[in-house]
Full PDB file with SEQRES, HELIX, SHEET, SSBOND, CRYST1, ORIGX, SCALE, CONECT and MASTER records, all heavy atoms in Angstrom:
SEQRES   1 A   35  PHE ASP LEU HIS PHE LEU ASP LEU LEU ALA HIS ARG PRO          
SEQRES   2 A   35  LEU SER ASN GLN ILE ALA ALA ASP PHE SER VAL VAL HIS          
SEQRES   3 A   35  ALA SER PRO GLN VAL ILE VAL VAL GLU                          
HELIX    1 AA1 ARG A   12  ASP A   21  1                                  10    
CRYST1    1.000    1.000    1.000  90.00  90.00  90.00 P 1           1          
ORIGX1      1.000000  0.000000  0.000000        0.00000                         
ORIGX2      0.000000  1.000000  0.000000        0.00000                         
ORIGX3      0.000000  0.000000  1.000000        0.00000                         
SCALE1      1.000000  0.000000  0.000000        0.00000                         
SCALE2      0.000000  1.000000  0.000000        0.00000                         
SCALE3      0.000000  0.000000  1.000000        0.00000                         
ATOM      1  N   PHE A   1      -2.030  10.162  10.284  1.00  0.00           N  
ATOM      2  CA  PHE A   1      -1.403  11.143   9.555  1.00  0.00           C  
ATOM      3  C   PHE A   1      -2.393  12.210   8.895  1.00  0.00           C  
ATOM      4  O   PHE A   1      -3.472  11.741   8.614  1.00  0.00           O  
ATOM      5  CB  PHE A   1      -0.534  10.687   8.414  1.00  0.00           C  
ATOM      6  CG  PHE A   1       0.453   9.597   8.733  1.00  0.00           C  
ATOM      7  CD1 PHE A   1       0.183   8.272   8.524  1.00  0.00           C  
ATOM      8  CD2 PHE A   1       1.663   9.903   9.363  1.00  0.00           C  
ATOM      9  CE1 PHE A   1       1.077   7.268   8.843  1.00  0.00           C  
ATOM     10  CE2 PHE A   1       2.610   8.895   9.761  1.00  0.00           C  
ATOM     11  CZ  PHE A   1       2.326   7.574   9.477  1.00  0.00           C  
ATOM     12  N   ASP A   2      -1.899  13.408   8.788  1.00  0.00           N  
ATOM     13  CA  ASP A   2      -2.585  14.338   7.787  1.00  0.00           C  
ATOM     14  C   ASP A   2      -1.971  13.913   6.465  1.00  0.00           C  
ATOM     15  O   ASP A   2      -0.785  13.761   6.383  1.00  0.00           O  
ATOM     16  CB  ASP A   2      -2.397  15.791   8.084  1.00  0.00           C  
ATOM     17  CG  ASP A   2      -3.047  16.234   9.337  1.00  0.00           C  
ATOM     18  OD1 ASP A   2      -4.029  15.616   9.823  1.00  0.00           O  
ATOM     19  OD2 ASP A   2      -2.654  17.246   9.971  1.00  0.00           O  
ATOM     20  N   LEU A   3      -2.755  13.814   5.397  1.00  0.00           N  
ATOM     21  CA  LEU A   3      -2.384  13.310   4.109  1.00  0.00           C  
ATOM     22  C   LEU A   3      -2.263  14.340   3.116  1.00  0.00           C  
ATOM     23  O   LEU A   3      -3.135  15.104   2.857  1.00  0.00           O  
ATOM     24  CB  LEU A   3      -3.376  12.230   3.653  1.00  0.00           C  
ATOM     25  CG  LEU A   3      -3.591  11.072   4.691  1.00  0.00           C  
ATOM     26  CD1 LEU A   3      -4.789  10.185   4.255  1.00  0.00           C  
ATOM     27  CD2 LEU A   3      -2.350  10.311   4.877  1.00  0.00           C  
ATOM     28  N   HIS A   4      -1.092  14.399   2.338  1.00  0.00           N  
ATOM     29  CA  HIS A   4      -0.817  15.393   1.394  1.00  0.00           C  
ATOM     30  C   HIS A   4      -0.349  14.752   0.069  1.00  0.00           C  
ATOM     31  O   HIS A   4       0.398  13.746   0.071  1.00  0.00           O  
ATOM     32  CB  HIS A   4       0.243  16.370   1.910  1.00  0.00           C  
ATOM     33  CG  HIS A   4      -0.029  17.008   3.255  1.00  0.00           C  
ATOM     34  ND1 HIS A   4      -0.788  18.166   3.250  1.00  0.00           N  
ATOM     35  CD2 HIS A   4       0.239  16.624   4.465  1.00  0.00           C  
ATOM     36  CE1 HIS A   4      -0.906  18.450   4.584  1.00  0.00           C  
ATOM     37  NE2 HIS A   4      -0.278  17.547   5.278  1.00  0.00           N  
ATOM     38  N   PHE A   5      -0.843  15.306  -1.011  1.00  0.00           N  
ATOM     39  CA  PHE A   5      -0.669  14.774  -2.369  1.00  0.00           C  
ATOM     40  C   PHE A   5       0.049  15.721  -3.177  1.00  0.00           C  
ATOM     41  O   PHE A   5      -0.416  16.969  -3.355  1.00  0.00           O  
ATOM     42  CB  PHE A   5      -1.930  14.370  -2.884  1.00  0.00           C  
ATOM     43  CG  PHE A   5      -1.921  13.739  -4.310  1.00  0.00           C  
ATOM     44  CD1 PHE A   5      -1.860  12.427  -4.461  1.00  0.00           C  
ATOM     45  CD2 PHE A   5      -1.961  14.569  -5.435  1.00  0.00           C  
ATOM     46  CE1 PHE A   5      -1.850  11.805  -5.779  1.00  0.00           C  
ATOM     47  CE2 PHE A   5      -1.961  13.963  -6.685  1.00  0.00           C  
ATOM     48  CZ  PHE A   5      -1.881  12.657  -6.846  1.00  0.00           C  
ATOM     49  N   LEU A   6       1.156  15.358  -3.845  1.00  0.00           N  
ATOM     50  CA  LEU A   6       1.855  16.333  -4.811  1.00  0.00           C  
ATOM     51  C   LEU A   6       1.881  15.605  -6.120  1.00  0.00           C  
ATOM     52  O   LEU A   6       2.451  14.504  -6.324  1.00  0.00           O  
ATOM     53  CB  LEU A   6       3.247  16.541  -4.315  1.00  0.00           C  
ATOM     54  CG  LEU A   6       4.104  17.333  -5.302  1.00  0.00           C  
ATOM     55  CD1 LEU A   6       3.624  18.740  -5.469  1.00  0.00           C  
ATOM     56  CD2 LEU A   6       5.568  17.372  -4.937  1.00  0.00           C  
ATOM     57  N   ASP A   7       1.289  16.263  -7.142  1.00  0.00           N  
ATOM     58  CA  ASP A   7       1.443  15.842  -8.495  1.00  0.00           C  
ATOM     59  C   ASP A   7       2.792  16.349  -8.954  1.00  0.00           C  
ATOM     60  O   ASP A   7       2.897  17.575  -9.309  1.00  0.00           O  
ATOM     61  CB  ASP A   7       0.330  16.369  -9.344  1.00  0.00           C  
ATOM     62  CG  ASP A   7       0.402  16.087 -10.861  1.00  0.00           C  
ATOM     63  OD1 ASP A   7       1.543  15.778 -11.350  1.00  0.00           O  
ATOM     64  OD2 ASP A   7      -0.586  16.205 -11.581  1.00  0.00           O  
ATOM     65  N   LEU A   8       3.814  15.557  -8.944  1.00  0.00           N  
ATOM     66  CA  LEU A   8       5.179  16.136  -9.217  1.00  0.00           C  
ATOM     67  C   LEU A   8       5.395  16.558 -10.654  1.00  0.00           C  
ATOM     68  O   LEU A   8       6.301  17.439 -10.878  1.00  0.00           O  
ATOM     69  CB  LEU A   8       6.229  15.184  -8.668  1.00  0.00           C  
ATOM     70  CG  LEU A   8       6.498  13.860  -9.361  1.00  0.00           C  
ATOM     71  CD1 LEU A   8       7.455  14.053 -10.488  1.00  0.00           C  
ATOM     72  CD2 LEU A   8       7.014  12.888  -8.362  1.00  0.00           C  
ATOM     73  N   LEU A   9       4.688  16.040 -11.601  1.00  0.00           N  
ATOM     74  CA  LEU A   9       4.811  16.538 -12.944  1.00  0.00           C  
ATOM     75  C   LEU A   9       4.274  17.893 -13.103  1.00  0.00           C  
ATOM     76  O   LEU A   9       4.850  18.719 -13.827  1.00  0.00           O  
ATOM     77  CB  LEU A   9       4.096  15.568 -13.967  1.00  0.00           C  
ATOM     78  CG  LEU A   9       4.805  14.177 -14.050  1.00  0.00           C  
ATOM     79  CD1 LEU A   9       3.939  13.261 -14.982  1.00  0.00           C  
ATOM     80  CD2 LEU A   9       6.232  14.230 -14.328  1.00  0.00           C  
ATOM     81  N   ALA A  10       3.155  18.250 -12.365  1.00  0.00           N  
ATOM     82  CA  ALA A  10       2.524  19.554 -12.507  1.00  0.00           C  
ATOM     83  C   ALA A  10       3.312  20.550 -11.580  1.00  0.00           C  
ATOM     84  O   ALA A  10       3.233  21.782 -11.847  1.00  0.00           O  
ATOM     85  CB  ALA A  10       1.113  19.519 -12.102  1.00  0.00           C  
ATOM     86  N   HIS A  11       4.070  20.046 -10.556  1.00  0.00           N  
ATOM     87  CA  HIS A  11       4.648  20.931  -9.557  1.00  0.00           C  
ATOM     88  C   HIS A  11       6.035  20.476  -9.269  1.00  0.00           C  
ATOM     89  O   HIS A  11       6.459  20.283  -8.141  1.00  0.00           O  
ATOM     90  CB  HIS A  11       3.854  20.937  -8.223  1.00  0.00           C  
ATOM     91  CG  HIS A  11       2.400  21.435  -8.476  1.00  0.00           C  
ATOM     92  ND1 HIS A  11       2.080  22.734  -8.703  1.00  0.00           N  
ATOM     93  CD2 HIS A  11       1.261  20.726  -8.569  1.00  0.00           C  
ATOM     94  CE1 HIS A  11       0.778  22.801  -8.918  1.00  0.00           C  
ATOM     95  NE2 HIS A  11       0.272  21.544  -8.833  1.00  0.00           N  
ATOM     96  N   ARG A  12       6.911  20.275 -10.345  1.00  0.00           N  
ATOM     97  CA  ARG A  12       8.204  19.733 -10.168  1.00  0.00           C  
ATOM     98  C   ARG A  12       9.146  20.612  -9.242  1.00  0.00           C  
ATOM     99  O   ARG A  12       9.869  20.172  -8.369  1.00  0.00           O  
ATOM    100  CB  ARG A  12       8.913  19.601 -11.531  1.00  0.00           C  
ATOM    101  CG  ARG A  12      10.376  18.987 -11.394  1.00  0.00           C  
ATOM    102  CD  ARG A  12      10.270  17.617 -10.706  1.00  0.00           C  
ATOM    103  NE  ARG A  12      11.587  17.166 -10.428  1.00  0.00           N  
ATOM    104  CZ  ARG A  12      12.091  16.017 -10.714  1.00  0.00           C  
ATOM    105  NH1 ARG A  12      11.344  15.181 -11.430  1.00  0.00           N  
ATOM    106  NH2 ARG A  12      13.326  15.681 -10.408  1.00  0.00           N  
ATOM    107  N   PRO A  13       9.005  21.970  -9.250  1.00  0.00           N  
ATOM    108  CA  PRO A  13       9.762  22.769  -8.327  1.00  0.00           C  
ATOM    109  C   PRO A  13       9.409  22.530  -6.874  1.00  0.00           C  
ATOM    110  O   PRO A  13      10.340  22.563  -6.051  1.00  0.00           O  
ATOM    111  CB  PRO A  13       9.462  24.288  -8.779  1.00  0.00           C  
ATOM    112  CG  PRO A  13       9.021  24.208 -10.185  1.00  0.00           C  
ATOM    113  CD  PRO A  13       8.342  22.822 -10.282  1.00  0.00           C  
ATOM    114  N   LEU A  14       8.156  22.257  -6.599  1.00  0.00           N  
ATOM    115  CA  LEU A  14       7.739  21.913  -5.195  1.00  0.00           C  
ATOM    116  C   LEU A  14       8.324  20.537  -4.814  1.00  0.00           C  
ATOM    117  O   LEU A  14       8.727  20.376  -3.629  1.00  0.00           O  
ATOM    118  CB  LEU A  14       6.205  21.912  -5.050  1.00  0.00           C  
ATOM    119  CG  LEU A  14       5.548  23.197  -5.101  1.00  0.00           C  
ATOM    120  CD1 LEU A  14       4.032  23.098  -5.065  1.00  0.00           C  
ATOM    121  CD2 LEU A  14       6.010  24.044  -3.870  1.00  0.00           C  
ATOM    122  N   SER A  15       8.382  19.602  -5.755  1.00  0.00           N  
ATOM    123  CA  SER A  15       9.012  18.340  -5.417  1.00  0.00           C  
ATOM    124  C   SER A  15      10.489  18.552  -5.047  1.00  0.00           C  
ATOM    125  O   SER A  15      10.994  17.944  -4.087  1.00  0.00           O  
ATOM    126  CB  SER A  15       8.894  17.411  -6.689  1.00  0.00           C  
ATOM    127  OG  SER A  15       9.550  16.211  -6.350  1.00  0.00           O  
ATOM    128  N   ASN A  16      11.194  19.358  -5.787  1.00  0.00           N  
ATOM    129  CA  ASN A  16      12.630  19.691  -5.452  1.00  0.00           C  
ATOM    130  C   ASN A  16      12.647  20.408  -4.104  1.00  0.00           C  
ATOM    131  O   ASN A  16      13.608  20.115  -3.351  1.00  0.00           O  
ATOM    132  CB  ASN A  16      13.153  20.495  -6.516  1.00  0.00           C  
ATOM    133  CG  ASN A  16      13.305  19.779  -7.891  1.00  0.00           C  
ATOM    134  OD1 ASN A  16      13.315  18.605  -7.895  1.00  0.00           O  
ATOM    135  ND2 ASN A  16      13.390  20.513  -8.981  1.00  0.00           N  
ATOM    136  N   GLN A  17      11.751  21.331  -3.846  1.00  0.00           N  
ATOM    137  CA  GLN A  17      11.748  22.018  -2.535  1.00  0.00           C  
ATOM    138  C   GLN A  17      11.543  21.058  -1.436  1.00  0.00           C  
ATOM    139  O   GLN A  17      12.245  21.159  -0.404  1.00  0.00           O  
ATOM    140  CB  GLN A  17      10.676  23.089  -2.506  1.00  0.00           C  
ATOM    141  CG  GLN A  17      10.522  23.805  -1.213  1.00  0.00           C  
ATOM    142  CD  GLN A  17       9.312  24.738  -1.119  1.00  0.00           C  
ATOM    143  OE1 GLN A  17       8.713  25.111  -1.990  1.00  0.00           O  
ATOM    144  NE2 GLN A  17       8.985  25.122   0.183  1.00  0.00           N  
ATOM    145  N   ILE A  18      10.602  20.126  -1.586  1.00  0.00           N  
ATOM    146  CA  ILE A  18      10.387  19.138  -0.515  1.00  0.00           C  
ATOM    147  C   ILE A  18      11.626  18.356  -0.261  1.00  0.00           C  
ATOM    148  O   ILE A  18      12.013  18.085   0.950  1.00  0.00           O  
ATOM    149  CB  ILE A  18       9.179  18.230  -0.830  1.00  0.00           C  
ATOM    150  CG1 ILE A  18       7.877  19.135  -0.765  1.00  0.00           C  
ATOM    151  CG2 ILE A  18       9.096  16.974  -0.029  1.00  0.00           C  
ATOM    152  CD1 ILE A  18       6.635  18.502  -1.364  1.00  0.00           C  
ATOM    153  N   ALA A  19      12.234  17.857  -1.326  1.00  0.00           N  
ATOM    154  CA  ALA A  19      13.492  17.155  -1.151  1.00  0.00           C  
ATOM    155  C   ALA A  19      14.576  17.844  -0.390  1.00  0.00           C  
ATOM    156  O   ALA A  19      15.182  17.351   0.460  1.00  0.00           O  
ATOM    157  CB  ALA A  19      14.088  16.655  -2.514  1.00  0.00           C  
ATOM    158  N   ALA A  20      14.764  19.192  -0.730  1.00  0.00           N  
ATOM    159  CA  ALA A  20      15.671  19.985  -0.063  1.00  0.00           C  
ATOM    160  C   ALA A  20      15.307  20.351   1.388  1.00  0.00           C  
ATOM    161  O   ALA A  20      16.112  20.234   2.261  1.00  0.00           O  
ATOM    162  CB  ALA A  20      15.861  21.273  -0.853  1.00  0.00           C  
ATOM    163  N   ASP A  21      14.050  20.750   1.591  1.00  0.00           N  
ATOM    164  CA  ASP A  21      13.544  21.118   2.899  1.00  0.00           C  
ATOM    165  C   ASP A  21      13.624  20.004   3.909  1.00  0.00           C  
ATOM    166  O   ASP A  21      13.898  20.218   5.004  1.00  0.00           O  
ATOM    167  CB  ASP A  21      12.112  21.571   2.854  1.00  0.00           C  
ATOM    168  CG  ASP A  21      11.932  23.030   2.298  1.00  0.00           C  
ATOM    169  OD1 ASP A  21      12.966  23.592   1.846  1.00  0.00           O  
ATOM    170  OD2 ASP A  21      10.778  23.406   2.145  1.00  0.00           O  
ATOM    171  N   PHE A  22      13.419  18.771   3.409  1.00  0.00           N  
ATOM    172  CA  PHE A  22      13.374  17.601   4.376  1.00  0.00           C  
ATOM    173  C   PHE A  22      14.583  16.672   4.177  1.00  0.00           C  
ATOM    174  O   PHE A  22      14.570  15.576   4.754  1.00  0.00           O  
ATOM    175  CB  PHE A  22      12.024  16.888   4.251  1.00  0.00           C  
ATOM    176  CG  PHE A  22      10.869  17.750   4.524  1.00  0.00           C  
ATOM    177  CD1 PHE A  22       9.990  18.062   3.508  1.00  0.00           C  
ATOM    178  CD2 PHE A  22      10.634  18.259   5.744  1.00  0.00           C  
ATOM    179  CE1 PHE A  22       8.932  18.966   3.849  1.00  0.00           C  
ATOM    180  CE2 PHE A  22       9.607  19.161   6.132  1.00  0.00           C  
ATOM    181  CZ  PHE A  22       8.751  19.424   5.087  1.00  0.00           C  
ATOM    182  N   SER A  23      15.534  17.125   3.446  1.00  0.00           N  
ATOM    183  CA  SER A  23      16.821  16.379   3.247  1.00  0.00           C  
ATOM    184  C   SER A  23      16.604  14.938   2.840  1.00  0.00           C  
ATOM    185  O   SER A  23      17.174  13.944   3.444  1.00  0.00           O  
ATOM    186  CB  SER A  23      17.663  16.411   4.595  1.00  0.00           C  
ATOM    187  OG  SER A  23      17.953  17.736   4.891  1.00  0.00           O  
ATOM    188  N   VAL A  24      15.876  14.731   1.852  1.00  0.00           N  
ATOM    189  CA  VAL A  24      15.608  13.394   1.324  1.00  0.00           C  
ATOM    190  C   VAL A  24      15.955  13.391  -0.224  1.00  0.00           C  
ATOM    191  O   VAL A  24      15.822  14.450  -0.856  1.00  0.00           O  
ATOM    192  CB  VAL A  24      14.125  12.914   1.499  1.00  0.00           C  
ATOM    193  CG1 VAL A  24      13.796  12.723   2.909  1.00  0.00           C  
ATOM    194  CG2 VAL A  24      13.168  13.815   0.791  1.00  0.00           C  
ATOM    195  N   VAL A  25      16.392  12.332  -0.646  1.00  0.00           N  
ATOM    196  CA  VAL A  25      16.702  12.173  -2.140  1.00  0.00           C  
ATOM    197  C   VAL A  25      15.397  12.001  -2.865  1.00  0.00           C  
ATOM    198  O   VAL A  25      14.560  11.259  -2.393  1.00  0.00           O  
ATOM    199  CB  VAL A  25      17.607  11.010  -2.347  1.00  0.00           C  
ATOM    200  CG1 VAL A  25      17.824  10.710  -3.857  1.00  0.00           C  
ATOM    201  CG2 VAL A  25      18.959  11.178  -1.645  1.00  0.00           C  
ATOM    202  N   HIS A  26      15.237  12.878  -3.915  1.00  0.00           N  
ATOM    203  CA  HIS A  26      13.960  12.710  -4.674  1.00  0.00           C  
ATOM    204  C   HIS A  26      13.790  11.312  -5.230  1.00  0.00           C  
ATOM    205  O   HIS A  26      14.758  10.669  -5.830  1.00  0.00           O  
ATOM    206  CB  HIS A  26      14.013  13.755  -5.836  1.00  0.00           C  
ATOM    207  CG  HIS A  26      12.991  13.454  -6.877  1.00  0.00           C  
ATOM    208  ND1 HIS A  26      11.639  13.802  -6.713  1.00  0.00           N  
ATOM    209  CD2 HIS A  26      13.020  12.869  -8.094  1.00  0.00           C  
ATOM    210  CE1 HIS A  26      10.957  13.360  -7.763  1.00  0.00           C  
ATOM    211  NE2 HIS A  26      11.815  12.840  -8.605  1.00  0.00           N  
ATOM    212  N   ALA A  27      12.584  10.843  -5.198  1.00  0.00           N  
ATOM    213  CA  ALA A  27      12.213   9.533  -5.856  1.00  0.00           C  
ATOM    214  C   ALA A  27      10.734   9.722  -6.301  1.00  0.00           C  
ATOM    215  O   ALA A  27      10.052  10.660  -5.867  1.00  0.00           O  
ATOM    216  CB  ALA A  27      12.317   8.383  -4.858  1.00  0.00           C  
ATOM    217  N   SER A  28      10.338   8.832  -7.206  1.00  0.00           N  
ATOM    218  CA  SER A  28       8.937   8.909  -7.681  1.00  0.00           C  
ATOM    219  C   SER A  28       8.531   7.512  -8.074  1.00  0.00           C  
ATOM    220  O   SER A  28       9.259   6.819  -8.897  1.00  0.00           O  
ATOM    221  CB  SER A  28       8.865   9.815  -8.913  1.00  0.00           C  
ATOM    222  OG  SER A  28       7.547   9.643  -9.502  1.00  0.00           O  
ATOM    223  N   PRO A  29       7.442   7.031  -7.372  1.00  0.00           N  
ATOM    224  CA  PRO A  29       6.648   7.616  -6.349  1.00  0.00           C  
ATOM    225  C   PRO A  29       7.425   7.641  -5.073  1.00  0.00           C  
ATOM    226  O   PRO A  29       8.359   6.886  -4.871  1.00  0.00           O  
ATOM    227  CB  PRO A  29       5.464   6.764  -6.220  1.00  0.00           C  
ATOM    228  CG  PRO A  29       5.926   5.379  -6.654  1.00  0.00           C  
ATOM    229  CD  PRO A  29       6.952   5.675  -7.719  1.00  0.00           C  
ATOM    230  N   GLN A  30       7.009   8.494  -4.172  1.00  0.00           N  
ATOM    231  CA  GLN A  30       7.710   8.610  -2.865  1.00  0.00           C  
ATOM    232  C   GLN A  30       6.667   9.005  -1.752  1.00  0.00           C  
ATOM    233  O   GLN A  30       5.759   9.767  -1.965  1.00  0.00           O  
ATOM    234  CB  GLN A  30       8.838   9.601  -2.953  1.00  0.00           C  
ATOM    235  CG  GLN A  30       9.676   9.777  -1.723  1.00  0.00           C  
ATOM    236  CD  GLN A  30      10.761  10.686  -1.973  1.00  0.00           C  
ATOM    237  OE1 GLN A  30      10.742  11.722  -2.721  1.00  0.00           O  
ATOM    238  NE2 GLN A  30      11.935  10.422  -1.439  1.00  0.00           N  
ATOM    239  N   VAL A  31       6.889   8.388  -0.581  1.00  0.00           N  
ATOM    240  CA  VAL A  31       6.200   8.767   0.608  1.00  0.00           C  
ATOM    241  C   VAL A  31       7.182   9.314   1.601  1.00  0.00           C  
ATOM    242  O   VAL A  31       8.237   8.724   1.746  1.00  0.00           O  
ATOM    243  CB  VAL A  31       5.389   7.602   1.230  1.00  0.00           C  
ATOM    244  CG1 VAL A  31       4.930   7.925   2.647  1.00  0.00           C  
ATOM    245  CG2 VAL A  31       4.316   7.147   0.404  1.00  0.00           C  
ATOM    246  N   ILE A  32       6.841  10.448   2.181  1.00  0.00           N  
ATOM    247  CA  ILE A  32       7.720  11.095   3.197  1.00  0.00           C  
ATOM    248  C   ILE A  32       6.807  11.415   4.394  1.00  0.00           C  
ATOM    249  O   ILE A  32       5.773  11.992   4.292  1.00  0.00           O  
ATOM    250  CB  ILE A  32       8.293  12.376   2.686  1.00  0.00           C  
ATOM    251  CG1 ILE A  32       9.144  12.141   1.411  1.00  0.00           C  
ATOM    252  CG2 ILE A  32       9.197  13.067   3.765  1.00  0.00           C  
ATOM    253  CD1 ILE A  32       9.445  13.419   0.640  1.00  0.00           C  
ATOM    254  N   VAL A  33       7.291  10.980   5.556  1.00  0.00           N  
ATOM    255  CA  VAL A  33       6.582  11.332   6.810  1.00  0.00           C  
ATOM    256  C   VAL A  33       7.357  12.418   7.515  1.00  0.00           C  
ATOM    257  O   VAL A  33       8.598  12.340   7.596  1.00  0.00           O  
ATOM    258  CB  VAL A  33       6.376  10.101   7.787  1.00  0.00           C  
ATOM    259  CG1 VAL A  33       5.890  10.506   9.115  1.00  0.00           C  
ATOM    260  CG2 VAL A  33       5.575   9.039   7.121  1.00  0.00           C  
ATOM    261  N   VAL A  34       6.734  13.489   7.900  1.00  0.00           N  
ATOM    262  CA  VAL A  34       7.246  14.626   8.535  1.00  0.00           C  
ATOM    263  C   VAL A  34       6.745  14.776   9.919  1.00  0.00           C  
ATOM    264  O   VAL A  34       5.499  14.845  10.078  1.00  0.00           O  
ATOM    265  CB  VAL A  34       6.949  15.924   7.660  1.00  0.00           C  
ATOM    266  CG1 VAL A  34       7.679  17.155   8.382  1.00  0.00           C  
ATOM    267  CG2 VAL A  34       7.446  15.800   6.236  1.00  0.00           C  
ATOM    268  N   GLU A  35       7.646  14.852  10.923  1.00  0.00           N  
ATOM    269  CA  GLU A  35       7.260  15.084  12.310  1.00  0.00           C  
ATOM    270  C   GLU A  35       8.226  16.165  12.916  1.00  0.00           C  
ATOM    271  O   GLU A  35       9.466  16.059  12.600  1.00  0.00           O  
ATOM    272  CB  GLU A  35       7.400  13.732  13.076  1.00  0.00           C  
ATOM    273  CG  GLU A  35       6.442  12.659  12.530  1.00  0.00           C  
ATOM    274  CD  GLU A  35       6.614  11.343  13.314  1.00  0.00           C  
ATOM    275  OE1 GLU A  35       5.922  11.205  14.351  1.00  0.00           O  
ATOM    276  OE2 GLU A  35       7.386  10.508  12.898  1.00  0.00           O  
TER     277      GLU A  35                                                      
MASTER        0    0    0    1    0    0    0    6  276    1    0    3          
END                                                                             
């Protein structure tokens, strides 16, 4: 994989965007694989 790190406390709107864009329920910590 290419590895991506999101500090969700610093970037909470991006965490919400990722949940919406990839149709996953937000969790923390969370790993999401995108293909």
